[in-house]
Protein backbone atom coordinates (compact mmCIF):
# COMPACT_ATOMS: atom_id res chain seq x y z
CA MET A 1 85.09 87.24 65.08
CA ARG A 2 82.91 88.33 62.16
CA ALA A 3 80.18 89.60 64.49
CA LYS A 4 82.79 91.51 66.47
CA GLY A 5 84.13 93.10 63.28
CA GLU A 6 80.64 94.15 62.18
CA ALA A 7 79.96 95.65 65.62
CA SER A 8 83.20 97.61 65.40
CA THR A 9 82.26 98.91 61.95
CA LEU A 10 78.81 99.98 63.15
CA TYR A 11 80.39 101.74 66.14
CA ILE A 12 82.75 103.67 63.86
CA LEU A 13 79.86 104.64 61.57
CA PHE A 14 77.87 105.79 64.60
CA LEU A 15 80.77 107.97 65.80
CA ALA A 16 81.16 109.42 62.29
CA PHE A 17 77.45 110.25 62.16
CA VAL A 18 77.50 111.92 65.60
CA TRP A 19 80.61 113.91 64.67
CA PHE A 20 79.07 115.06 61.38
CA PHE A 21 75.77 116.00 63.07
CA PHE A 22 77.40 118.16 65.72
CA ASN A 23 79.93 119.58 63.24
CA VAL A 24 77.22 120.82 60.88
CA GLY A 25 75.06 122.04 63.78
CA ALA A 26 77.96 124.04 65.20
CA SER A 27 78.68 125.53 61.77
CA VAL A 28 75.10 126.80 61.50
CA TYR A 29 75.31 128.53 64.89
CA ILE A 30 78.76 129.95 64.05
CA LYS A 31 77.40 131.33 60.77
CA ASP A 32 74.57 133.01 62.67
CA TYR A 33 77.08 134.63 65.06
CA LEU A 34 79.52 135.70 62.34
CA VAL A 35 76.77 137.53 60.44
CA PHE A 36 76.63 140.09 63.26
CA HIS A 37 80.18 139.78 64.66
CA PRO A 38 82.64 138.74 61.91
CA LEU A 39 85.42 137.59 64.24
CA PRO A 40 86.62 134.09 63.22
CA THR A 41 89.66 134.33 65.50
CA LEU A 42 87.58 134.83 68.65
CA VAL A 43 85.19 132.06 67.61
CA THR A 44 88.15 129.71 67.18
CA LEU A 45 89.52 130.80 70.54
CA ALA A 46 86.17 130.08 72.20
CA GLN A 47 85.96 126.64 70.57
CA ALA A 48 89.46 125.72 71.74
CA ALA A 49 88.77 127.04 75.25
CA VAL A 50 85.62 124.93 75.55
CA GLY A 51 87.50 121.88 74.27
CA THR A 52 90.28 122.44 76.79
CA ILE A 53 87.92 122.93 79.72
CA CYS A 54 85.86 119.85 78.82
CA GLY A 55 89.05 117.83 78.37
CA ILE A 56 90.45 118.85 81.75
CA LEU A 57 87.13 118.19 83.50
CA THR A 58 86.91 114.77 81.87
CA LEU A 59 90.53 113.60 81.94
CA GLY A 60 92.17 115.75 84.60
CA VAL A 61 95.18 118.06 84.42
CA LYS A 62 97.58 115.11 84.60
CA ALA A 63 96.41 114.01 81.15
CA ILE A 64 98.20 117.01 79.57
CA TYR A 65 101.25 115.40 78.03
CA TRP A 66 104.32 117.32 76.85
CA PRO A 67 107.20 115.12 75.63
CA LYS A 68 110.82 115.87 76.44
CA ASP A 69 112.42 115.09 73.10
CA LYS A 70 112.35 117.66 70.31
CA LYS A 71 110.95 115.38 67.58
CA SER A 72 107.92 114.41 69.66
CA ARG A 73 107.23 118.04 70.54
CA GLN A 74 107.39 118.96 66.86
CA LEU A 75 104.81 116.29 66.06
CA ILE A 76 102.38 117.62 68.65
CA LEU A 77 102.97 121.24 67.64
CA LEU A 78 102.30 120.36 63.99
CA ASN A 79 99.04 118.71 65.04
CA ALA A 80 98.00 121.76 67.05
CA PHE A 81 99.05 124.28 64.38
CA SER A 82 97.16 122.50 61.60
CA HIS A 83 94.09 122.04 63.82
CA CYS A 84 94.07 125.68 64.94
CA TYR A 85 94.33 127.28 61.53
CA ALA A 86 92.13 124.69 59.83
CA THR A 87 89.39 125.59 62.32
CA LEU A 88 90.08 129.30 61.92
CA LEU A 89 89.90 129.15 58.11
CA THR A 90 86.75 127.03 58.27
CA ASN A 91 85.12 129.73 60.38
CA ALA A 92 86.35 132.40 57.96
CA SER A 93 84.94 130.42 55.01
CA THR A 94 81.63 130.05 56.84
CA PHE A 95 81.44 133.84 57.10
CA TYR A 96 81.93 134.34 53.34
CA VAL A 97 79.76 131.53 51.95
CA ALA A 98 76.85 129.30 52.91
CA VAL A 99 77.45 126.54 55.46
CA SER A 100 76.37 123.95 52.89
CA PHE A 101 78.99 125.17 50.42
CA THR A 102 81.79 125.05 53.01
CA HIS A 103 80.92 121.46 53.89
CA THR A 104 80.62 120.55 50.21
CA VAL A 105 84.19 121.70 49.66
CA LYS A 106 85.30 119.90 52.82
CA ALA A 107 84.09 116.68 51.22
CA SER A 108 87.37 116.81 49.27
CA ASP A 109 89.14 115.79 52.48
CA PRO A 110 89.77 112.19 51.23
CA LEU A 111 91.77 113.58 48.29
CA PHE A 112 94.11 115.61 50.50
CA THR A 113 94.31 112.82 53.08
CA ALA A 114 95.35 110.31 50.42
CA ILE A 115 98.06 112.67 49.15
CA VAL A 116 99.44 113.50 52.61
CA SER A 117 99.29 109.84 53.70
CA ARG A 118 101.27 108.83 50.64
CA TYR A 119 104.19 111.08 51.61
CA VAL A 120 103.99 110.92 55.41
CA LEU A 121 102.90 107.35 56.12
CA GLN A 122 103.92 105.82 52.77
CA ALA A 123 100.37 104.48 52.54
CA ARG A 124 99.04 103.49 49.12
CA GLU A 125 95.38 103.07 48.27
CA ASN A 126 93.90 100.80 45.61
CA MET A 127 92.66 102.09 42.27
CA LEU A 128 89.00 101.85 43.31
CA THR A 129 89.66 104.26 46.18
CA TYR A 130 91.41 106.75 43.89
CA PHE A 131 88.55 106.49 41.39
CA SER A 132 85.94 107.21 44.09
CA ILE A 133 88.00 110.21 45.22
CA LEU A 134 88.11 111.46 41.62
CA VAL A 135 84.32 111.21 41.36
CA THR A 136 84.00 113.19 44.61
CA VAL A 137 86.31 115.93 43.31
CA VAL A 138 84.30 116.22 40.08
CA GLY A 139 81.10 116.54 42.09
CA ILE A 140 82.63 119.24 44.30
CA THR A 141 83.79 121.14 41.21
CA LEU A 142 80.30 121.09 39.72
CA ALA A 143 78.78 122.19 43.03
CA SER A 144 81.24 125.09 43.24
CA LEU A 145 80.47 126.26 39.71
CA THR A 146 76.71 126.24 40.34
CA GLU A 147 76.80 127.74 43.85
CA PHE A 148 74.49 130.77 44.00
CA ASN A 149 76.39 132.50 46.81
CA PHE A 150 79.84 131.70 45.43
CA ASP A 151 82.73 133.72 46.85
CA THR A 152 86.38 133.24 45.86
CA MET A 153 87.77 133.90 49.33
CA GLY A 154 85.26 131.52 50.87
CA LEU A 155 86.35 128.80 48.44
CA ILE A 156 90.06 129.39 49.09
CA TYR A 157 89.59 129.36 52.87
CA ALA A 158 87.55 126.16 52.65
CA LEU A 159 90.17 124.41 50.47
CA VAL A 160 93.11 125.43 52.66
CA SER A 161 91.25 124.45 55.84
CA THR A 162 90.40 121.07 54.33
CA PHE A 163 94.05 120.50 53.47
CA LEU A 164 95.13 121.46 57.00
CA PHE A 165 92.52 119.14 58.52
CA SER A 166 93.95 116.34 56.36
CA VAL A 167 97.44 117.14 57.64
CA ARG A 168 96.13 117.04 61.20
CA THR A 169 94.38 113.70 60.58
CA VAL A 170 97.49 112.03 59.18
CA TYR A 171 99.87 113.42 61.78
CA SER A 172 97.42 112.59 64.58
CA LYS A 173 97.61 108.99 63.45
CA LYS A 174 101.39 109.18 63.32
CA THR A 175 101.58 110.84 66.75
CA MET A 176 99.36 108.27 68.46
CA VAL A 177 101.37 105.42 66.94
CA ASP A 178 104.86 106.85 67.47
CA LEU A 179 104.26 108.32 70.94
CA ARG A 180 101.70 105.71 72.03
CA MET A 181 99.27 108.44 73.04
CA LYS A 182 95.58 107.95 73.65
CA ASP A 183 93.27 109.84 71.31
CA SER A 184 91.68 111.67 74.27
CA ASP A 185 95.07 112.79 75.63
CA LEU A 186 96.11 114.03 72.20
CA PHE A 187 92.83 115.93 71.84
CA LEU A 188 93.40 117.67 75.17
CA VAL A 189 96.91 118.88 74.39
CA ILE A 190 95.86 119.94 70.86
CA SER A 191 92.94 121.93 72.29
CA LEU A 192 95.21 123.64 74.80
CA LEU A 193 97.79 124.61 72.18
CA THR A 194 95.05 125.67 69.77
CA MET A 195 93.69 127.99 72.44
CA ILE A 196 97.15 129.56 72.76
CA PHE A 197 97.66 129.88 68.98
CA SER A 198 94.19 131.31 68.36
CA GLY A 199 94.58 133.68 71.32
CA ILE A 200 97.81 135.03 69.84
CA SER A 201 96.09 135.40 66.45
CA ALA A 202 93.16 137.24 68.04
CA ILE A 203 95.48 139.65 69.85
CA PHE A 204 97.47 140.22 66.66
CA MET A 205 94.31 140.99 64.66
CA GLY A 206 92.96 143.26 67.39
CA LEU A 207 96.15 145.26 67.77
CA PHE A 208 96.89 145.66 64.05
CA TYR A 209 93.28 146.11 62.89
CA PRO A 210 91.65 147.79 65.91
CA GLU A 211 89.00 149.73 64.00
CA GLU A 212 87.61 146.68 62.21
CA TYR A 213 87.80 144.59 65.39
CA TYR A 214 86.07 147.13 67.58
CA ASN A 215 83.21 147.65 65.14
CA ALA A 216 82.88 143.91 64.59
CA LEU A 217 82.52 143.44 68.35
CA PHE A 218 80.20 146.33 69.15
CA GLY A 219 78.87 147.73 65.86
CA TYR A 220 75.74 145.55 65.88
CA VAL A 221 74.90 146.63 69.42
CA TYR A 222 74.61 150.17 68.09
CA GLN A 223 72.27 149.16 65.24
CA ASN A 224 75.09 147.74 63.16
CA THR A 225 76.53 151.14 62.30
CA LEU A 226 80.12 152.29 62.54
CA ILE A 227 80.67 154.19 65.75
CA GLU A 228 83.27 156.67 66.87
CA LEU A 229 86.25 154.89 68.37
CA PRO A 230 87.69 155.76 71.79
CA THR A 231 91.36 156.49 72.36
CA PRO A 232 93.82 153.71 71.36
CA SER A 233 94.63 152.81 74.98
CA THR A 234 90.96 152.49 75.94
CA ARG A 235 90.20 150.57 72.74
CA ASN A 236 92.98 148.07 73.40
CA MET A 237 91.80 147.55 76.98
CA ILE A 238 88.28 146.83 75.74
CA PHE A 239 89.65 144.38 73.19
CA ILE A 240 91.85 142.56 75.69
CA SER A 241 88.97 142.35 78.17
CA THR A 242 86.97 140.36 75.61
CA LEU A 243 89.62 137.64 75.78
CA LEU A 244 89.44 137.26 79.56
């Protein structure tokens, strides 16, 4: 039994390492893209679309689960909403500040998770856990104060996204327990709903801020200079075509 428990712990640590490696790697590539095309909404949409496609190819369309009762649907929608806008704000933070700073702030996730778990799951941690969280928060504060490329909006986006990721983590746990869902099935439905939410956000941003969106999409192609915009109807068609 002890050997089995140690193997399980090592497996979890391995998964955490793989997740962190790919998460940081993706953030670096996203930062590189956002430097030339500052469009966090479209990046989030692309991420959700890839997750949905991979999920469907792996699990099949039948794995998309949509409960009939209202309470269960609310749980899944809350998961998807928090995941969508946590990812969106993380991408926005990555645009404003260095990738390392965004992930430093995201290290405060245990603090938010402990708070949300206390009220949602009625889970209480021991004093040693709270003390370690306090040490982490102090370290994050010092790192923020000494950050060379510090930006207030980048910090705010990173903090809010970290809080939303904590909400998603706690409610994902609650959803899988209450609805008896597999983690892979929950991921698929969250990715699908995130694609819808981020698509709506991208359309909203494009229609209400067309000038900024158009130049963000095509300005770099024309040597990163602002270019003369076409008529509104043509501009909207170009914007919508980027989503297809």
